[in-house]
Amino acid sequence: MTAPAPASSASPRQLTENPFASTHSLDTNPFDDPVSTTSSKVDVARLEEVERRERDLERRETELNQRAEHIRKHGRNNWPFFYPLIYHSIPDEIPEASRPLMTRLYQLWLFLLGCLIINMVACIFILIAGAGGSALGSSIGYLIVIPPLSFLLWYRPIYNAYMKEQALYYYMYLIFAGFHLAFSVYVIIGIPSTGGAGIIETIKMFIGHHWVAGILCTIALVGWVIQGLGSAFYYRQIWAHRKAQGHTFAKAKGELATHGAKAYFTRG
């Protein structure tokens, strides 16, 4: 008589295991358990996220090290970039509501530099056209003198005005920006031999058939007009803001007596 077959001794894991799953094939098995495939994808995504965070941390660490090295050499100064003398940061120092206006004023100041360069080039061709060298000499002088003076006398005061909201800086801006507006009108007119490639010089170049000089003078003239109109527009806007904030001349005198000229160079 044949003995009965022994009962199956399979473990619970074997009973629930996918008999078609493959752990040896290098190719994808269509019968593999989808849970394991999803799990591996999740692991890869997490690994990529960790690597991305590590790269981001390394980038930030590099930036912080560069900033620390810059501060060690120059203090907090960051402007101009080629030889830092002062600290200039509109996002960090100007209130959020005034940042767009301050950014446009900075762009206007940079545009002024471009106008001075084009004006000098135009005066070089005016000299080539036989109009004398005094215009070129004056234009070179403008390019050397006006950028630092304009930055210190009207751009930096209005920067400090919006940063500290003090009447003294608004009045400094209004006084020296007023002189700058007068200078802009002077250059737009373009009196011969004064260094301004303005209206009169442009007309003279075209009448004399000096086409290159005439075109360059026209470009310079358009630049001066845009710069002058922009300066006048923001001058009026800042005047209205000063008045709305209640900054009076008496208040400016009081601030000058209290803080003195040193307030111009301090951050407080």
C-alpha atoms as a PDB file:
ATOM      1  CA  MET A   1       0.000   0.000   0.000  1.00  0.00           C
ATOM      2  CA  THR A   2       1.441   3.360  -1.015  1.00  0.00           C
ATOM      3  CA  ALA A   3       2.135   5.832   1.787  1.00  0.00           C
ATOM      4  CA  PRO A   4       0.303   9.162   1.550  1.00  0.00           C
ATOM      5  CA  ALA A   5       2.299  12.146   0.109  1.00  0.00           C
ATOM      6  CA  PRO A   6       3.749  14.416   2.751  1.00  0.00           C
ATOM      7  CA  ALA A   7       2.025  17.753   3.333  1.00  0.00           C
ATOM      8  CA  SER A   8       3.584  20.803   1.657  1.00  0.00           C
ATOM      9  CA  SER A   9       6.120  22.523   3.843  1.00  0.00           C
ATOM     10  CA  ALA A  10       6.215  25.769   1.810  1.00  0.00           C
ATOM     11  CA  SER A  11       6.666  28.918   3.865  1.00  0.00           C
ATOM     12  CA  PRO A  12       4.072  31.746   3.858  1.00  0.00           C
ATOM     13  CA  ARG A  13       6.490  33.929   1.874  1.00  0.00           C
ATOM     14  CA  GLN A  14       6.789  31.287  -0.847  1.00  0.00           C
ATOM     15  CA  LEU A  15       3.034  30.953  -1.002  1.00  0.00           C
ATOM     16  CA  THR A  16       2.599  34.726  -1.633  1.00  0.00           C
ATOM     17  CA  GLU A  17       5.669  35.198  -3.841  1.00  0.00           C
ATOM     18  CA  ASN A  18       5.171  35.967  -7.535  1.00  0.00           C
ATOM     19  CA  PRO A  19       6.229  32.735  -9.324  1.00  0.00           C
ATOM     20  CA  PHE A  20       6.895  34.658 -12.546  1.00  0.00           C
ATOM     21  CA  ALA A  21       9.147  37.316 -11.021  1.00  0.00           C
ATOM     22  CA  SER A  22      12.778  37.218 -12.117  1.00  0.00           C
ATOM     23  CA  THR A  23      15.758  38.371 -10.121  1.00  0.00           C
ATOM     24  CA  HIS A  24      18.407  37.173 -12.544  1.00  0.00           C
ATOM     25  CA  SER A  25      17.511  38.674 -15.888  1.00  0.00           C
ATOM     26  CA  LEU A  26      19.073  41.976 -16.928  1.00  0.00           C
ATOM     27  CA  ASP A  27      16.067  42.776 -19.066  1.00  0.00           C
ATOM     28  CA  THR A  28      12.772  44.025 -17.750  1.00  0.00           C
ATOM     29  CA  ASN A  29      10.491  41.138 -16.825  1.00  0.00           C
ATOM     30  CA  PRO A  30       6.843  41.886 -17.627  1.00  0.00           C
ATOM     31  CA  PHE A  31       5.786  39.598 -14.783  1.00  0.00           C
ATOM     32  CA  ASP A  32       7.857  41.426 -12.136  1.00  0.00           C
ATOM     33  CA  ASP A  33       6.017  42.856  -9.192  1.00  0.00           C
ATOM     34  CA  PRO A  34       5.127  46.508 -10.069  1.00  0.00           C
ATOM     35  CA  VAL A  35       5.647  47.571  -6.444  1.00  0.00           C
ATOM     36  CA  SER A  36       9.372  46.910  -6.624  1.00  0.00           C
ATOM     37  CA  THR A  37       9.673  48.887  -9.889  1.00  0.00           C
ATOM     38  CA  THR A  38       7.855  51.880  -8.399  1.00  0.00           C
ATOM     39  CA  SER A  39       9.995  51.675  -5.281  1.00  0.00           C
ATOM     40  CA  SER A  40      13.188  51.811  -7.321  1.00  0.00           C
ATOM     41  CA  LYS A  41      11.907  54.876  -9.214  1.00  0.00           C
ATOM     42  CA  VAL A  42      11.142  56.610  -5.938  1.00  0.00           C
ATOM     43  CA  ASP A  43      14.634  55.815  -4.682  1.00  0.00           C
ATOM     44  CA  VAL A  44      16.188  57.282  -7.853  1.00  0.00           C
ATOM     45  CA  ALA A  45      14.075  60.446  -7.524  1.00  0.00           C
ATOM     46  CA  ARG A  46      15.123  60.851  -3.899  1.00  0.00           C
ATOM     47  CA  LEU A  47      18.761  60.351  -4.826  1.00  0.00           C
ATOM     48  CA  GLU A  48      18.501  63.016  -7.531  1.00  0.00           C
ATOM     49  CA  GLU A  49      16.849  65.409  -5.064  1.00  0.00           C
ATOM     50  CA  VAL A  50      19.633  64.831  -2.526  1.00  0.00           C
ATOM     51  CA  GLU A  51      22.279  65.438  -5.192  1.00  0.00           C
ATOM     52  CA  ARG A  52      20.504  68.611  -6.313  1.00  0.00           C
ATOM     53  CA  ARG A  53      20.416  69.912  -2.735  1.00  0.00           C
ATOM     54  CA  GLU A  54      24.108  69.096  -2.304  1.00  0.00           C
ATOM     55  CA  ARG A  55      24.977  71.053  -5.468  1.00  0.00           C
ATOM     56  CA  ASP A  56      22.861  73.958  -4.260  1.00  0.00           C
ATOM     57  CA  LEU A  57      24.615  73.940  -0.874  1.00  0.00           C
ATOM     58  CA  GLU A  58      28.023  73.844  -2.574  1.00  0.00           C
ATOM     59  CA  ARG A  59      27.040  76.797  -4.779  1.00  0.00           C
ATOM     60  CA  ARG A  60      25.853  78.808  -1.776  1.00  0.00           C
ATOM     61  CA  GLU A  61      28.997  77.961   0.144  1.00  0.00           C
ATOM     62  CA  THR A  62      31.112  79.156  -2.780  1.00  0.00           C
ATOM     63  CA  GLU A  63      29.145  82.426  -2.961  1.00  0.00           C
ATOM     64  CA  LEU A  64      29.501  82.987   0.783  1.00  0.00           C
ATOM     65  CA  ASN A  65      33.242  82.324   0.604  1.00  0.00           C
ATOM     66  CA  GLN A  66      33.602  84.771  -2.276  1.00  0.00           C
ATOM     67  CA  ARG A  67      31.576  87.387  -0.403  1.00  0.00           C
ATOM     68  CA  ALA A  68      33.651  86.859   2.746  1.00  0.00           C
ATOM     69  CA  GLU A  69      36.850  87.251   0.742  1.00  0.00           C
ATOM     70  CA  HIS A  70      35.486  90.415  -0.867  1.00  0.00           C
ATOM     71  CA  ILE A  71      34.559  91.861   2.534  1.00  0.00           C
ATOM     72  CA  ARG A  72      38.007  90.951   3.866  1.00  0.00           C
ATOM     73  CA  LYS A  73      39.663  92.917   1.057  1.00  0.00           C
ATOM     74  CA  HIS A  74      37.268  95.828   0.605  1.00  0.00           C
ATOM     75  CA  GLY A  75      34.930  95.787   3.589  1.00  0.00           C
ATOM     76  CA  ARG A  76      31.302  95.897   2.456  1.00  0.00           C
ATOM     77  CA  ASN A  77      32.161  98.094  -0.512  1.00  0.00           C
ATOM     78  CA  ASN A  78      30.977  96.695  -3.833  1.00  0.00           C
ATOM     79  CA  TRP A  79      30.836  99.670  -6.227  1.00  0.00           C
ATOM     80  CA  PRO A  80      32.301 100.246  -8.734  1.00  0.00           C
ATOM     81  CA  PHE A  81      32.954  96.580  -9.399  1.00  0.00           C
ATOM     82  CA  PHE A  82      36.480  97.136 -10.769  1.00  0.00           C
ATOM     83  CA  TYR A  83      37.621  99.126  -7.706  1.00  0.00           C
ATOM     84  CA  PRO A  84      35.039  99.085  -4.896  1.00  0.00           C
ATOM     85  CA  LEU A  85      34.869 102.376  -3.022  1.00  0.00           C
ATOM     86  CA  ILE A  86      31.336 102.419  -1.601  1.00  0.00           C
ATOM     87  CA  TYR A  87      28.500 100.054  -0.814  1.00  0.00           C
ATOM     88  CA  HIS A  88      25.664 100.259  -3.331  1.00  0.00           C
ATOM     89  CA  SER A  89      22.737  97.821  -3.246  1.00  0.00           C
ATOM     90  CA  ILE A  90      19.244  98.964  -4.172  1.00  0.00           C
ATOM     91  CA  PRO A  91      17.551  95.672  -3.123  1.00  0.00           C
ATOM     92  CA  ASP A  92      19.261  95.722   0.287  1.00  0.00           C
ATOM     93  CA  GLU A  93      19.112  99.418   1.206  1.00  0.00           C
ATOM     94  CA  ILE A  94      16.123 100.977  -0.548  1.00  0.00           C
ATOM     95  CA  PRO A  95      12.565 100.337   0.731  1.00  0.00           C
ATOM     96  CA  GLU A  96      10.586  98.042  -1.543  1.00  0.00           C
ATOM     97  CA  ALA A  97       8.112 100.730  -2.626  1.00  0.00           C
ATOM     98  CA  SER A  98      10.938 102.992  -3.866  1.00  0.00           C
ATOM     99  CA  ARG A  99      13.125 100.346  -5.525  1.00  0.00           C
ATOM    100  CA  PRO A 100      11.617 100.646  -9.038  1.00  0.00           C
ATOM    101  CA  LEU A 101      12.146 104.422  -9.067  1.00  0.00           C
ATOM    102  CA  MET A 102      15.675 104.124  -7.679  1.00  0.00           C
ATOM    103  CA  THR A 103      16.532 101.462 -10.240  1.00  0.00           C
ATOM    104  CA  ARG A 104      15.373 103.723 -13.074  1.00  0.00           C
ATOM    105  CA  LEU A 105      17.406 106.626 -11.688  1.00  0.00           C
ATOM    106  CA  TYR A 106      20.485 104.407 -11.629  1.00  0.00           C
ATOM    107  CA  GLN A 107      19.783 103.352 -15.212  1.00  0.00           C
ATOM    108  CA  LEU A 108      19.388 107.027 -16.125  1.00  0.00           C
ATOM    109  CA  TRP A 109      22.793 107.754 -14.619  1.00  0.00           C
ATOM    110  CA  LEU A 110      24.330 104.896 -16.646  1.00  0.00           C
ATOM    111  CA  PHE A 111      22.593 106.275 -19.739  1.00  0.00           C
ATOM    112  CA  LEU A 112      24.237 109.620 -19.025  1.00  0.00           C
ATOM    113  CA  LEU A 113      27.633 107.909 -19.209  1.00  0.00           C
ATOM    114  CA  GLY A 114      26.698 106.493 -22.604  1.00  0.00           C
ATOM    115  CA  CYS A 115      25.663 109.962 -23.806  1.00  0.00           C
ATOM    116  CA  LEU A 116      29.008 111.412 -22.742  1.00  0.00           C
ATOM    117  CA  ILE A 117      30.918 108.715 -24.629  1.00  0.00           C
ATOM    118  CA  ILE A 118      28.892 109.134 -27.834  1.00  0.00           C
ATOM    119  CA  ASN A 119      29.176 112.913 -27.493  1.00  0.00           C
ATOM    120  CA  MET A 120      32.977 112.635 -27.347  1.00  0.00           C
ATOM    121  CA  VAL A 121      33.059 110.361 -30.418  1.00  0.00           C
ATOM    122  CA  ALA A 122      30.868 112.842 -32.299  1.00  0.00           C
ATOM    123  CA  CYS A 123      33.246 115.655 -31.334  1.00  0.00           C
ATOM    124  CA  ILE A 124      36.165 113.623 -32.729  1.00  0.00           C
ATOM    125  CA  PHE A 125      34.435 113.592 -36.116  1.00  0.00           C
ATOM    126  CA  ILE A 126      33.567 117.274 -35.745  1.00  0.00           C
ATOM    127  CA  LEU A 127      37.321 117.857 -35.399  1.00  0.00           C
ATOM    128  CA  ILE A 128      37.982 115.708 -38.479  1.00  0.00           C
ATOM    129  CA  ALA A 129      35.442 117.850 -40.334  1.00  0.00           C
ATOM    130  CA  GLY A 130      37.680 120.849 -39.620  1.00  0.00           C
ATOM    131  CA  ALA A 131      35.644 122.547 -36.915  1.00  0.00           C
ATOM    132  CA  GLY A 132      38.568 122.971 -34.493  1.00  0.00           C
ATOM    133  CA  GLY A 133      39.694 121.032 -31.450  1.00  0.00           C
ATOM    134  CA  SER A 134      38.078 122.989 -28.629  1.00  0.00           C
ATOM    135  CA  ALA A 135      34.857 120.956 -28.874  1.00  0.00           C
ATOM    136  CA  LEU A 136      36.797 117.724 -28.524  1.00  0.00           C
ATOM    137  CA  GLY A 137      38.766 119.059 -25.552  1.00  0.00           C
ATOM    138  CA  SER A 138      35.582 120.101 -23.789  1.00  0.00           C
ATOM    139  CA  SER A 139      33.870 116.773 -24.499  1.00  0.00           C
ATOM    140  CA  ILE A 140      36.825 114.889 -22.995  1.00  0.00           C
ATOM    141  CA  GLY A 141      36.634 117.132 -19.943  1.00  0.00           C
ATOM    142  CA  TYR A 142      32.915 116.373 -19.616  1.00  0.00           C
ATOM    143  CA  LEU A 143      33.605 112.641 -19.784  1.00  0.00           C
ATOM    144  CA  ILE A 144      36.201 112.893 -17.026  1.00  0.00           C
ATOM    145  CA  VAL A 145      34.442 115.311 -14.680  1.00  0.00           C
ATOM    146  CA  ILE A 146      30.691 114.780 -15.036  1.00  0.00           C
ATOM    147  CA  PRO A 147      30.413 111.058 -14.104  1.00  0.00           C
ATOM    148  CA  PRO A 148      31.944 111.382 -10.613  1.00  0.00           C
ATOM    149  CA  LEU A 149      30.323 114.752  -9.934  1.00  0.00           C
ATOM    150  CA  SER A 150      26.871 113.608 -11.046  1.00  0.00           C
ATOM    151  CA  PHE A 151      27.158 110.459  -8.964  1.00  0.00           C
ATOM    152  CA  LEU A 152      28.274 112.284  -5.826  1.00  0.00           C
ATOM    153  CA  LEU A 153      26.138 115.419  -6.146  1.00  0.00           C
ATOM    154  CA  TRP A 154      22.738 114.187  -7.333  1.00  0.00           C
ATOM    155  CA  TYR A 155      22.600 110.404  -7.682  1.00  0.00           C
ATOM    156  CA  ARG A 156      24.085 109.516  -4.292  1.00  0.00           C
ATOM    157  CA  PRO A 157      21.997 112.141  -2.431  1.00  0.00           C
ATOM    158  CA  ILE A 158      18.728 110.801  -3.844  1.00  0.00           C
ATOM    159  CA  TYR A 159      19.887 107.250  -3.067  1.00  0.00           C
ATOM    160  CA  ASN A 160      20.475 108.311   0.547  1.00  0.00           C
ATOM    161  CA  ALA A 161      17.198 110.247   0.543  1.00  0.00           C
ATOM    162  CA  TYR A 162      15.125 107.176  -0.252  1.00  0.00           C
ATOM    163  CA  MET A 163      17.226 104.984   2.012  1.00  0.00           C
ATOM    164  CA  LYS A 164      17.083 107.256   5.090  1.00  0.00           C
ATOM    165  CA  GLU A 165      14.047 109.417   4.212  1.00  0.00           C
ATOM    166  CA  GLN A 166      15.745 112.622   5.356  1.00  0.00           C
ATOM    167  CA  ALA A 167      15.031 116.098   4.015  1.00  0.00           C
ATOM    168  CA  LEU A 168      18.697 117.085   3.712  1.00  0.00           C
ATOM    169  CA  TYR A 169      19.348 114.596   0.907  1.00  0.00           C
ATOM    170  CA  TYR A 170      16.230 115.575  -1.011  1.00  0.00           C
ATOM    171  CA  TYR A 171      17.360 119.185  -1.065  1.00  0.00           C
ATOM    172  CA  MET A 172      20.888 118.210  -2.107  1.00  0.00           C
ATOM    173  CA  TYR A 173      19.395 116.282  -5.000  1.00  0.00           C
ATOM    174  CA  LEU A 174      17.025 119.076  -6.022  1.00  0.00           C
ATOM    175  CA  ILE A 175      19.826 121.660  -6.067  1.00  0.00           C
ATOM    176  CA  PHE A 176      22.434 119.684  -8.010  1.00  0.00           C
ATOM    177  CA  ALA A 177      19.964 117.859 -10.263  1.00  0.00           C
ATOM    178  CA  GLY A 178      18.700 121.328 -11.181  1.00  0.00           C
ATOM    179  CA  PHE A 179      22.219 122.267 -12.323  1.00  0.00           C
ATOM    180  CA  HIS A 180      22.368 119.016 -14.257  1.00  0.00           C
ATOM    181  CA  LEU A 181      19.114 119.850 -16.039  1.00  0.00           C
ATOM    182  CA  ALA A 182      20.551 123.220 -17.052  1.00  0.00           C
ATOM    183  CA  PHE A 183      23.691 121.493 -18.350  1.00  0.00           C
ATOM    184  CA  SER A 184      21.555 119.072 -20.359  1.00  0.00           C
ATOM    185  CA  VAL A 185      19.751 121.964 -22.052  1.00  0.00           C
ATOM    186  CA  TYR A 186      23.130 123.603 -22.741  1.00  0.00           C
ATOM    187  CA  VAL A 187      24.469 120.477 -24.460  1.00  0.00           C
ATOM    188  CA  ILE A 188      21.224 119.918 -26.397  1.00  0.00           C
ATOM    189  CA  ILE A 189      21.557 123.386 -27.906  1.00  0.00           C
ATOM    190  CA  GLY A 190      25.059 122.437 -29.069  1.00  0.00           C
ATOM    191  CA  ILE A 191      26.801 125.809 -29.239  1.00  0.00           C
ATOM    192  CA  PRO A 192      29.906 125.385 -31.449  1.00  0.00           C
ATOM    193  CA  SER A 193      33.233 124.786 -29.676  1.00  0.00           C
ATOM    194  CA  THR A 194      31.555 124.058 -26.323  1.00  0.00           C
ATOM    195  CA  GLY A 195      31.851 120.265 -26.471  1.00  0.00           C
ATOM    196  CA  GLY A 196      28.175 119.523 -26.992  1.00  0.00           C
ATOM    197  CA  ALA A 197      27.093 117.646 -30.128  1.00  0.00           C
ATOM    198  CA  GLY A 198      23.684 119.280 -30.044  1.00  0.00           C
ATOM    199  CA  ILE A 199      21.285 120.943 -32.439  1.00  0.00           C
ATOM    200  CA  ILE A 200      23.547 123.666 -33.851  1.00  0.00           C
ATOM    201  CA  GLU A 201      26.547 121.359 -34.347  1.00  0.00           C
ATOM    202  CA  THR A 202      24.324 118.715 -35.970  1.00  0.00           C
ATOM    203  CA  ILE A 203      22.866 121.219 -38.453  1.00  0.00           C
ATOM    204  CA  LYS A 204      26.367 122.525 -39.273  1.00  0.00           C
ATOM    205  CA  MET A 205      27.658 119.028 -40.017  1.00  0.00           C
ATOM    206  CA  PHE A 206      24.794 118.217 -42.387  1.00  0.00           C
ATOM    207  CA  ILE A 207      25.022 121.600 -44.141  1.00  0.00           C
ATOM    208  CA  GLY A 208      28.747 120.990 -44.669  1.00  0.00           C
ATOM    209  CA  HIS A 209      28.008 117.481 -46.032  1.00  0.00           C
ATOM    210  CA  HIS A 210      29.971 115.835 -43.229  1.00  0.00           C
ATOM    211  CA  TRP A 211      27.606 112.886 -43.118  1.00  0.00           C
ATOM    212  CA  VAL A 212      29.369 110.662 -40.588  1.00  0.00           C
ATOM    213  CA  ALA A 213      29.823 113.563 -38.170  1.00  0.00           C
ATOM    214  CA  GLY A 214      26.206 114.611 -38.753  1.00  0.00           C
ATOM    215  CA  ILE A 215      24.851 111.113 -38.036  1.00  0.00           C
ATOM    216  CA  LEU A 216      26.948 110.778 -34.870  1.00  0.00           C
ATOM    217  CA  CYS A 217      25.813 114.223 -33.729  1.00  0.00           C
ATOM    218  CA  THR A 218      22.209 113.185 -34.338  1.00  0.00           C
ATOM    219  CA  ILE A 219      22.668 110.051 -32.216  1.00  0.00           C
ATOM    220  CA  ALA A 220      24.279 112.112 -29.464  1.00  0.00           C
ATOM    221  CA  LEU A 221      21.521 114.712 -29.699  1.00  0.00           C
ATOM    222  CA  VAL A 222      18.768 112.099 -29.387  1.00  0.00           C
ATOM    223  CA  GLY A 223      20.580 110.636 -26.382  1.00  0.00           C
ATOM    224  CA  TRP A 224      20.871 114.020 -24.699  1.00  0.00           C
ATOM    225  CA  VAL A 225      17.172 114.759 -25.311  1.00  0.00           C
ATOM    226  CA  ILE A 226      16.095 111.397 -23.828  1.00  0.00           C
ATOM    227  CA  GLN A 227      18.412 111.865 -20.870  1.00  0.00           C
ATOM    228  CA  GLY A 228      17.213 115.432 -20.303  1.00  0.00           C
ATOM    229  CA  LEU A 229      13.522 114.540 -20.495  1.00  0.00           C
ATOM    230  CA  GLY A 230      14.079 111.594 -18.146  1.00  0.00           C
ATOM    231  CA  SER A 231      15.899 113.807 -15.664  1.00  0.00           C
ATOM    232  CA  ALA A 232      13.110 116.393 -15.791  1.00  0.00           C
ATOM    233  CA  PHE A 233      10.419 113.729 -15.339  1.00  0.00           C
ATOM    234  CA  TYR A 234      12.043 112.193 -12.257  1.00  0.00           C
ATOM    235  CA  TYR A 235      12.951 115.626 -10.875  1.00  0.00           C
ATOM    236  CA  ARG A 236       9.260 116.520 -10.852  1.00  0.00           C
ATOM    237  CA  GLN A 237       8.311 113.145  -9.364  1.00  0.00           C
ATOM    238  CA  ILE A 238      10.868 113.448  -6.557  1.00  0.00           C
ATOM    239  CA  TRP A 239       9.785 117.028  -5.868  1.00  0.00           C
ATOM    240  CA  ALA A 240       6.210 115.802  -5.366  1.00  0.00           C
ATOM    241  CA  HIS A 241       7.373 112.932  -3.140  1.00  0.00           C
ATOM    242  CA  ARG A 242       9.431 115.293  -0.969  1.00  0.00           C
ATOM    243  CA  LYS A 243       6.463 117.587  -0.556  1.00  0.00           C
ATOM    244  CA  ALA A 244       4.110 114.708   0.258  1.00  0.00           C
ATOM    245  CA  GLN A 245       6.505 113.403   2.930  1.00  0.00           C
ATOM    246  CA  GLY A 246       6.653 116.820   4.601  1.00  0.00           C
ATOM    247  CA  HIS A 247      10.387 117.413   4.068  1.00  0.00           C
ATOM    248  CA  THR A 248      10.885 121.148   4.468  1.00  0.00           C
ATOM    249  CA  PHE A 249      13.967 123.323   4.130  1.00  0.00           C
ATOM    250  CA  ALA A 250      13.866 124.040   7.875  1.00  0.00           C
ATOM    251  CA  LYS A 251      13.915 120.319   8.541  1.00  0.00           C
ATOM    252  CA  ALA A 252      16.899 119.928   6.213  1.00  0.00           C
ATOM    253  CA  LYS A 253      18.781 122.674   8.088  1.00  0.00           C
ATOM    254  CA  GLY A 254      18.054 120.944  11.378  1.00  0.00           C
ATOM    255  CA  GLU A 255      19.371 117.626  10.056  1.00  0.00           C
ATOM    256  CA  LEU A 256      22.519 119.310   8.788  1.00  0.00           C
ATOM    257  CA  ALA A 257      23.095 120.935  12.182  1.00  0.00           C
ATOM    258  CA  THR A 258      22.503 117.631  13.975  1.00  0.00           C
ATOM    259  CA  HIS A 259      24.388 115.190  11.777  1.00  0.00           C
ATOM    260  CA  GLY A 260      26.777 117.346   9.778  1.00  0.00           C
ATOM    261  CA  ALA A 261      28.460 116.302   6.532  1.00  0.00           C
ATOM    262  CA  LYS A 262      29.447 112.907   7.967  1.00  0.00           C
ATOM    263  CA  ALA A 263      25.840 111.737   7.523  1.00  0.00           C
ATOM    264  CA  TYR A 264      26.511 111.640   3.775  1.00  0.00           C
ATOM    265  CA  PHE A 265      29.007 108.802   4.208  1.00  0.00           C
ATOM    266  CA  THR A 266      27.300 106.751   6.930  1.00  0.00           C
ATOM    267  CA  ARG A 267      24.642 104.069   6.540  1.00  0.00           C
ATOM    268  CA  GLY A 268      22.491 105.102   9.507  1.00  0.00           C
END
